[in-house]
Amino acid sequence: MLRKASYLILSVSLWLTSCSKDPVNDLSDLDSQVFITNHDKSANFKTFKTFSISDSVTVVQDNRSGTALTSLDKDVLTRIITNMQNLGYTYVAVDKKPDVGLTAARITNTYQDVSYNPYSSYWGGFYGGFYGYPSYYVYETTESYWAISMLDVKNADSTTQSTDGKRFRVIWDAQIRGGGLANQNYVDEMVDAAFRQSTYLSIK
């Protein structure tokens, strides 16, 4: 009796699985987003009180980089400021020597790869021992994401001899990946989510 019941449960489960939609394809842009955060374990965020932020967004596309300040970029920078203030930090101008500095970047990388169809038609003489080659094709994959970084300005390394001046240690960074990254309606939720899973940043 128990065996029959098990078969029945298995049959019902298989039927429900076959009738359900692909959960990945059903995801909205917001649901598809992934937030990756990391921080320097040696950083004591309680020692930081003030922050500043870059006045534009870094745009990186493959081997090229520059800056931009579109309406989308402004919204992202503004939301970063709001989250930092909610965590207890005080916003100051760059020339006021902030304890930490924040930057935001839009990054797009395009990759090329080669694949082939092993079941495509071969050509050549069968008896001659030449079987030909399978069909190869090249495809491109484009990956875009937002990157937010927090730099330790308070403890900048000014002893290193370098042409670019002081060196700043990255003490926190976040990546936002997935769909809808260019949708201004999603900016608040995207940025909030990255900070929300980084509770150690709070100095309240």
C-alpha atoms as a PDB file:
ATOM      1  CA  MET A   1       0.000   0.000   0.000  1.00  0.00           C
ATOM      2  CA  LEU A   2       2.836   2.295   0.878  1.00  0.00           C
ATOM      3  CA  ARG A   3       4.542   1.548  -2.445  1.00  0.00           C
ATOM      4  CA  LYS A   4       1.396   2.394  -4.399  1.00  0.00           C
ATOM      5  CA  ALA A   5       1.072   5.668  -2.521  1.00  0.00           C
ATOM      6  CA  SER A   6       4.680   6.549  -3.343  1.00  0.00           C
ATOM      7  CA  TYR A   7       4.071   5.923  -7.042  1.00  0.00           C
ATOM      8  CA  LEU A   8       1.002   8.153  -6.884  1.00  0.00           C
ATOM      9  CA  ILE A   9       2.934  11.012  -5.256  1.00  0.00           C
ATOM     10  CA  LEU A  10       5.715  10.659  -7.808  1.00  0.00           C
ATOM     11  CA  SER A  11       3.233  10.741 -10.690  1.00  0.00           C
ATOM     12  CA  VAL A  12       1.537  13.860  -9.352  1.00  0.00           C
ATOM     13  CA  SER A  13       4.914  15.572  -8.836  1.00  0.00           C
ATOM     14  CA  LEU A  14       6.008  14.821 -12.369  1.00  0.00           C
ATOM     15  CA  TRP A  15       2.718  16.105 -13.743  1.00  0.00           C
ATOM     16  CA  LEU A  16       2.984  19.349 -11.788  1.00  0.00           C
ATOM     17  CA  THR A  17       6.572  19.815 -12.943  1.00  0.00           C
ATOM     18  CA  SER A  18       5.725  19.231 -16.575  1.00  0.00           C
ATOM     19  CA  CYS A  19       2.793  21.644 -16.436  1.00  0.00           C
ATOM     20  CA  SER A  20       4.634  24.444 -14.651  1.00  0.00           C
ATOM     21  CA  LYS A  21       6.384  27.216 -16.547  1.00  0.00           C
ATOM     22  CA  ASP A  22      10.153  27.642 -16.619  1.00  0.00           C
ATOM     23  CA  PRO A  23      10.816  29.632 -13.416  1.00  0.00           C
ATOM     24  CA  VAL A  24      13.891  31.313 -14.914  1.00  0.00           C
ATOM     25  CA  ASN A  25      12.006  32.616 -17.941  1.00  0.00           C
ATOM     26  CA  ASP A  26       9.250  33.916 -15.675  1.00  0.00           C
ATOM     27  CA  LEU A  27      11.578  36.143 -13.653  1.00  0.00           C
ATOM     28  CA  SER A  28      11.074  39.887 -13.879  1.00  0.00           C
ATOM     29  CA  ASP A  29      14.088  42.152 -14.395  1.00  0.00           C
ATOM     30  CA  LEU A  30      14.213  42.929 -10.681  1.00  0.00           C
ATOM     31  CA  ASP A  31      13.926  39.260  -9.750  1.00  0.00           C
ATOM     32  CA  SER A  32      16.792  38.390 -12.093  1.00  0.00           C
ATOM     33  CA  GLN A  33      19.195  40.829 -10.484  1.00  0.00           C
ATOM     34  CA  VAL A  34      22.132  39.527  -8.464  1.00  0.00           C
ATOM     35  CA  PHE A  35      24.012  41.552  -5.869  1.00  0.00           C
ATOM     36  CA  ILE A  36      27.620  40.704  -5.065  1.00  0.00           C
ATOM     37  CA  THR A  37      29.248  42.564  -2.179  1.00  0.00           C
ATOM     38  CA  ASN A  38      32.615  42.237  -0.528  1.00  0.00           C
ATOM     39  CA  HIS A  39      34.557  44.152   2.094  1.00  0.00           C
ATOM     40  CA  ASP A  40      37.977  44.388   3.682  1.00  0.00           C
ATOM     41  CA  LYS A  41      37.756  42.337   6.860  1.00  0.00           C
ATOM     42  CA  SER A  42      40.374  44.535   8.521  1.00  0.00           C
ATOM     43  CA  ALA A  43      38.404  47.758   7.984  1.00  0.00           C
ATOM     44  CA  ASN A  44      36.698  49.227  11.039  1.00  0.00           C
ATOM     45  CA  PHE A  45      33.810  51.169   9.555  1.00  0.00           C
ATOM     46  CA  LYS A  46      32.947  52.677  12.942  1.00  0.00           C
ATOM     47  CA  THR A  47      36.036  54.881  12.603  1.00  0.00           C
ATOM     48  CA  PHE A  48      34.638  56.598   9.509  1.00  0.00           C
ATOM     49  CA  LYS A  49      32.192  59.466   9.847  1.00  0.00           C
ATOM     50  CA  THR A  50      32.143  61.461   6.604  1.00  0.00           C
ATOM     51  CA  PHE A  51      31.989  60.571   2.931  1.00  0.00           C
ATOM     52  CA  SER A  52      32.073  62.101  -0.500  1.00  0.00           C
ATOM     53  CA  ILE A  53      31.241  60.738  -3.929  1.00  0.00           C
ATOM     54  CA  SER A  54      32.548  61.238  -7.451  1.00  0.00           C
ATOM     55  CA  ASP A  55      30.671  63.842  -9.500  1.00  0.00           C
ATOM     56  CA  SER A  56      30.258  61.498 -12.467  1.00  0.00           C
ATOM     57  CA  VAL A  57      30.057  57.814 -13.309  1.00  0.00           C
ATOM     58  CA  THR A  58      32.940  55.904 -14.835  1.00  0.00           C
ATOM     59  CA  VAL A  59      31.936  54.167 -18.062  1.00  0.00           C
ATOM     60  CA  VAL A  60      33.998  51.146 -19.058  1.00  0.00           C
ATOM     61  CA  GLN A  61      33.359  49.336 -22.328  1.00  0.00           C
ATOM     62  CA  ASP A  62      35.813  46.597 -23.208  1.00  0.00           C
ATOM     63  CA  ASN A  63      39.200  48.364 -23.404  1.00  0.00           C
ATOM     64  CA  ARG A  64      37.803  51.907 -23.417  1.00  0.00           C
ATOM     65  CA  SER A  65      36.863  54.051 -20.438  1.00  0.00           C
ATOM     66  CA  GLY A  66      35.546  57.531 -19.747  1.00  0.00           C
ATOM     67  CA  THR A  67      33.035  59.371 -17.595  1.00  0.00           C
ATOM     68  CA  ALA A  68      29.380  60.296 -18.007  1.00  0.00           C
ATOM     69  CA  LEU A  69      26.574  61.964 -16.111  1.00  0.00           C
ATOM     70  CA  THR A  70      23.265  60.983 -17.656  1.00  0.00           C
ATOM     71  CA  SER A  71      19.983  61.253 -15.789  1.00  0.00           C
ATOM     72  CA  LEU A  72      20.354  57.561 -14.940  1.00  0.00           C
ATOM     73  CA  ASP A  73      23.847  58.173 -13.563  1.00  0.00           C
ATOM     74  CA  LYS A  74      22.597  61.073 -11.440  1.00  0.00           C
ATOM     75  CA  ASP A  75      19.874  58.880  -9.970  1.00  0.00           C
ATOM     76  CA  VAL A  76      22.395  56.187  -9.047  1.00  0.00           C
ATOM     77  CA  LEU A  77      24.777  58.673  -7.388  1.00  0.00           C
ATOM     78  CA  THR A  78      21.903  60.308  -5.511  1.00  0.00           C
ATOM     79  CA  ARG A  79      20.672  56.955  -4.222  1.00  0.00           C
ATOM     80  CA  ILE A  80      24.153  56.032  -3.035  1.00  0.00           C
ATOM     81  CA  ILE A  81      24.267  59.276  -1.048  1.00  0.00           C
ATOM     82  CA  THR A  82      20.868  58.517   0.486  1.00  0.00           C
ATOM     83  CA  ASN A  83      21.965  55.037   1.571  1.00  0.00           C
ATOM     84  CA  MET A  84      25.195  56.315   3.085  1.00  0.00           C
ATOM     85  CA  GLN A  85      23.304  58.961   5.051  1.00  0.00           C
ATOM     86  CA  ASN A  86      20.832  56.355   6.259  1.00  0.00           C
ATOM     87  CA  LEU A  87      23.790  54.321   7.534  1.00  0.00           C
ATOM     88  CA  GLY A  88      24.905  57.270   9.659  1.00  0.00           C
ATOM     89  CA  TYR A  89      27.580  58.910   7.483  1.00  0.00           C
ATOM     90  CA  THR A  90      27.721  62.664   6.841  1.00  0.00           C
ATOM     91  CA  TYR A  91      28.025  63.858   3.246  1.00  0.00           C
ATOM     92  CA  VAL A  92      30.779  66.442   2.652  1.00  0.00           C
ATOM     93  CA  ALA A  93      32.487  67.958  -0.367  1.00  0.00           C
ATOM     94  CA  VAL A  94      35.632  66.353  -1.729  1.00  0.00           C
ATOM     95  CA  ASP A  95      37.793  69.287  -0.562  1.00  0.00           C
ATOM     96  CA  LYS A  96      36.590  68.784   3.028  1.00  0.00           C
ATOM     97  CA  LYS A  97      38.764  65.679   3.425  1.00  0.00           C
ATOM     98  CA  PRO A  98      36.111  62.956   3.746  1.00  0.00           C
ATOM     99  CA  ASP A  99      36.925  59.732   5.568  1.00  0.00           C
ATOM    100  CA  VAL A 100      35.730  57.583   2.678  1.00  0.00           C
ATOM    101  CA  GLY A 101      35.046  58.204  -0.981  1.00  0.00           C
ATOM    102  CA  LEU A 102      32.596  56.392  -3.231  1.00  0.00           C
ATOM    103  CA  THR A 103      32.653  55.780  -6.948  1.00  0.00           C
ATOM    104  CA  ALA A 104      30.168  54.216  -9.349  1.00  0.00           C
ATOM    105  CA  ALA A 105      30.830  52.632 -12.715  1.00  0.00           C
ATOM    106  CA  ARG A 106      28.839  51.210 -15.625  1.00  0.00           C
ATOM    107  CA  ILE A 107      30.803  48.324 -17.081  1.00  0.00           C
ATOM    108  CA  THR A 108      30.119  46.489 -20.327  1.00  0.00           C
ATOM    109  CA  ASN A 109      32.278  43.660 -21.627  1.00  0.00           C
ATOM    110  CA  THR A 110      31.815  41.859 -24.924  1.00  0.00           C
ATOM    111  CA  TYR A 111      33.263  38.394 -25.326  1.00  0.00           C
ATOM    112  CA  GLN A 112      33.722  36.365 -28.488  1.00  0.00           C
ATOM    113  CA  ASP A 113      33.755  32.612 -28.549  1.00  0.00           C
ATOM    114  CA  VAL A 114      33.788  29.864 -31.121  1.00  0.00           C
ATOM    115  CA  SER A 115      31.563  26.812 -31.110  1.00  0.00           C
ATOM    116  CA  TYR A 116      30.577  24.137 -33.565  1.00  0.00           C
ATOM    117  CA  ASN A 117      27.749  21.810 -34.408  1.00  0.00           C
ATOM    118  CA  PRO A 118      29.046  18.226 -34.124  1.00  0.00           C
ATOM    119  CA  TYR A 119      25.959  16.937 -35.930  1.00  0.00           C
ATOM    120  CA  SER A 120      26.281  19.161 -38.996  1.00  0.00           C
ATOM    121  CA  SER A 121      26.909  17.681 -42.463  1.00  0.00           C
ATOM    122  CA  TYR A 122      30.454  16.664 -43.247  1.00  0.00           C
ATOM    123  CA  TRP A 123      31.716  16.755 -46.774  1.00  0.00           C
ATOM    124  CA  GLY A 124      34.391  14.916 -48.744  1.00  0.00           C
ATOM    125  CA  GLY A 125      34.956  11.437 -50.137  1.00  0.00           C
ATOM    126  CA  PHE A 126      34.060   8.728 -47.698  1.00  0.00           C
ATOM    127  CA  TYR A 127      36.245   6.092 -49.322  1.00  0.00           C
ATOM    128  CA  GLY A 128      39.138   8.483 -49.684  1.00  0.00           C
ATOM    129  CA  GLY A 129      39.433   8.762 -45.940  1.00  0.00           C
ATOM    130  CA  PHE A 130      38.553  12.484 -45.868  1.00  0.00           C
ATOM    131  CA  TYR A 131      35.536  13.335 -43.789  1.00  0.00           C
ATOM    132  CA  GLY A 132      35.616  17.122 -43.953  1.00  0.00           C
ATOM    133  CA  TYR A 133      34.974  19.522 -41.048  1.00  0.00           C
ATOM    134  CA  PRO A 134      32.003  20.338 -38.826  1.00  0.00           C
ATOM    135  CA  SER A 135      30.258  23.718 -39.012  1.00  0.00           C
ATOM    136  CA  TYR A 136      31.921  26.323 -36.794  1.00  0.00           C
ATOM    137  CA  TYR A 137      30.336  29.604 -35.786  1.00  0.00           C
ATOM    138  CA  VAL A 138      31.386  32.650 -33.793  1.00  0.00           C
ATOM    139  CA  TYR A 139      29.070  34.241 -31.251  1.00  0.00           C
ATOM    140  CA  GLU A 140      29.281  37.261 -28.990  1.00  0.00           C
ATOM    141  CA  THR A 141      28.192  37.603 -25.387  1.00  0.00           C
ATOM    142  CA  THR A 142      27.694  41.038 -23.845  1.00  0.00           C
ATOM    143  CA  GLU A 143      27.736  41.439 -20.077  1.00  0.00           C
ATOM    144  CA  SER A 144      26.806  44.689 -18.332  1.00  0.00           C
ATOM    145  CA  TYR A 145      26.765  45.532 -14.645  1.00  0.00           C
ATOM    146  CA  TRP A 146      27.013  48.341 -12.114  1.00  0.00           C
ATOM    147  CA  ALA A 147      30.004  48.542  -9.781  1.00  0.00           C
ATOM    148  CA  ILE A 148      30.123  50.645  -6.607  1.00  0.00           C
ATOM    149  CA  SER A 149      33.330  51.043  -4.604  1.00  0.00           C
ATOM    150  CA  MET A 150      34.159  52.605  -1.247  1.00  0.00           C
ATOM    151  CA  LEU A 151      37.708  53.883  -0.759  1.00  0.00           C
ATOM    152  CA  ASP A 152      39.541  54.557   2.483  1.00  0.00           C
ATOM    153  CA  VAL A 153      40.537  58.194   2.069  1.00  0.00           C
ATOM    154  CA  LYS A 154      41.258  58.760   5.740  1.00  0.00           C
ATOM    155  CA  ASN A 155      44.140  56.291   5.760  1.00  0.00           C
ATOM    156  CA  ALA A 156      45.426  56.901   2.230  1.00  0.00           C
ATOM    157  CA  ASP A 157      48.943  55.681   1.554  1.00  0.00           C
ATOM    158  CA  SER A 158      50.964  58.784   0.749  1.00  0.00           C
ATOM    159  CA  THR A 159      54.368  57.167   1.335  1.00  0.00           C
ATOM    160  CA  THR A 160      54.401  55.256  -1.936  1.00  0.00           C
ATOM    161  CA  GLN A 161      56.331  57.041  -4.650  1.00  0.00           C
ATOM    162  CA  SER A 162      53.982  57.114  -7.637  1.00  0.00           C
ATOM    163  CA  THR A 163      52.933  59.568 -10.314  1.00  0.00           C
ATOM    164  CA  ASP A 164      49.248  59.270  -9.445  1.00  0.00           C
ATOM    165  CA  GLY A 165      49.636  60.603  -5.906  1.00  0.00           C
ATOM    166  CA  LYS A 166      48.029  58.821  -2.961  1.00  0.00           C
ATOM    167  CA  ARG A 167      46.836  55.267  -3.090  1.00  0.00           C
ATOM    168  CA  PHE A 168      43.398  54.470  -1.728  1.00  0.00           C
ATOM    169  CA  ARG A 169      42.431  51.073  -0.390  1.00  0.00           C
ATOM    170  CA  VAL A 170      39.093  49.631  -1.511  1.00  0.00           C
ATOM    171  CA  ILE A 171      37.282  48.639   1.677  1.00  0.00           C
ATOM    172  CA  TRP A 172      33.893  47.760   0.169  1.00  0.00           C
ATOM    173  CA  ASP A 173      32.580  47.062  -3.283  1.00  0.00           C
ATOM    174  CA  ALA A 174      29.340  45.916  -4.830  1.00  0.00           C
ATOM    175  CA  GLN A 175      28.310  44.598  -8.214  1.00  0.00           C
ATOM    176  CA  ILE A 176      24.757  44.700  -9.531  1.00  0.00           C
ATOM    177  CA  ARG A 177      24.073  42.251 -12.363  1.00  0.00           C
ATOM    178  CA  GLY A 178      20.989  41.070 -14.190  1.00  0.00           C
ATOM    179  CA  GLY A 179      18.177  42.642 -16.187  1.00  0.00           C
ATOM    180  CA  GLY A 180      16.800  46.169 -16.160  1.00  0.00           C
ATOM    181  CA  LEU A 181      20.062  47.834 -15.146  1.00  0.00           C
ATOM    182  CA  ALA A 182      19.329  50.854 -17.357  1.00  0.00           C
ATOM    183  CA  ASN A 183      15.771  51.271 -16.108  1.00  0.00           C
ATOM    184  CA  GLN A 184      15.545  54.402 -13.951  1.00  0.00           C
ATOM    185  CA  ASN A 185      12.473  53.031 -12.214  1.00  0.00           C
ATOM    186  CA  TYR A 186      14.665  50.289 -10.710  1.00  0.00           C
ATOM    187  CA  VAL A 187      17.508  52.484  -9.461  1.00  0.00           C
ATOM    188  CA  ASP A 188      16.309  52.878  -5.876  1.00  0.00           C
ATOM    189  CA  GLU A 189      15.646  49.164  -5.392  1.00  0.00           C
ATOM    190  CA  MET A 190      18.915  48.137  -7.057  1.00  0.00           C
ATOM    191  CA  VAL A 191      21.136  50.413  -4.997  1.00  0.00           C
ATOM    192  CA  ASP A 192      19.174  49.810  -1.801  1.00  0.00           C
ATOM    193  CA  ALA A 193      19.563  46.038  -2.187  1.00  0.00           C
ATOM    194  CA  ALA A 194      23.344  46.282  -2.484  1.00  0.00           C
ATOM    195  CA  PHE A 195      23.585  48.310   0.718  1.00  0.00           C
ATOM    196  CA  ARG A 196      20.906  46.282   2.469  1.00  0.00           C
ATOM    197  CA  GLN A 197      23.017  43.137   2.410  1.00  0.00           C
ATOM    198  CA  SER A 198      26.024  45.049   3.749  1.00  0.00           C
ATOM    199  CA  THR A 199      24.795  45.715   7.278  1.00  0.00           C
ATOM    200  CA  TYR A 200      28.376  45.993   8.598  1.00  0.00           C
ATOM    201  CA  LEU A 201      28.608  49.429   6.921  1.00  0.00           C
ATOM    202  CA  SER A 202      26.264  50.976   9.481  1.00  0.00           C
ATOM    203  CA  ILE A 203      27.910  53.313  11.997  1.00  0.00           C
ATOM    204  CA  LYS A 204      24.760  54.181  13.904  1.00  0.00           C
END
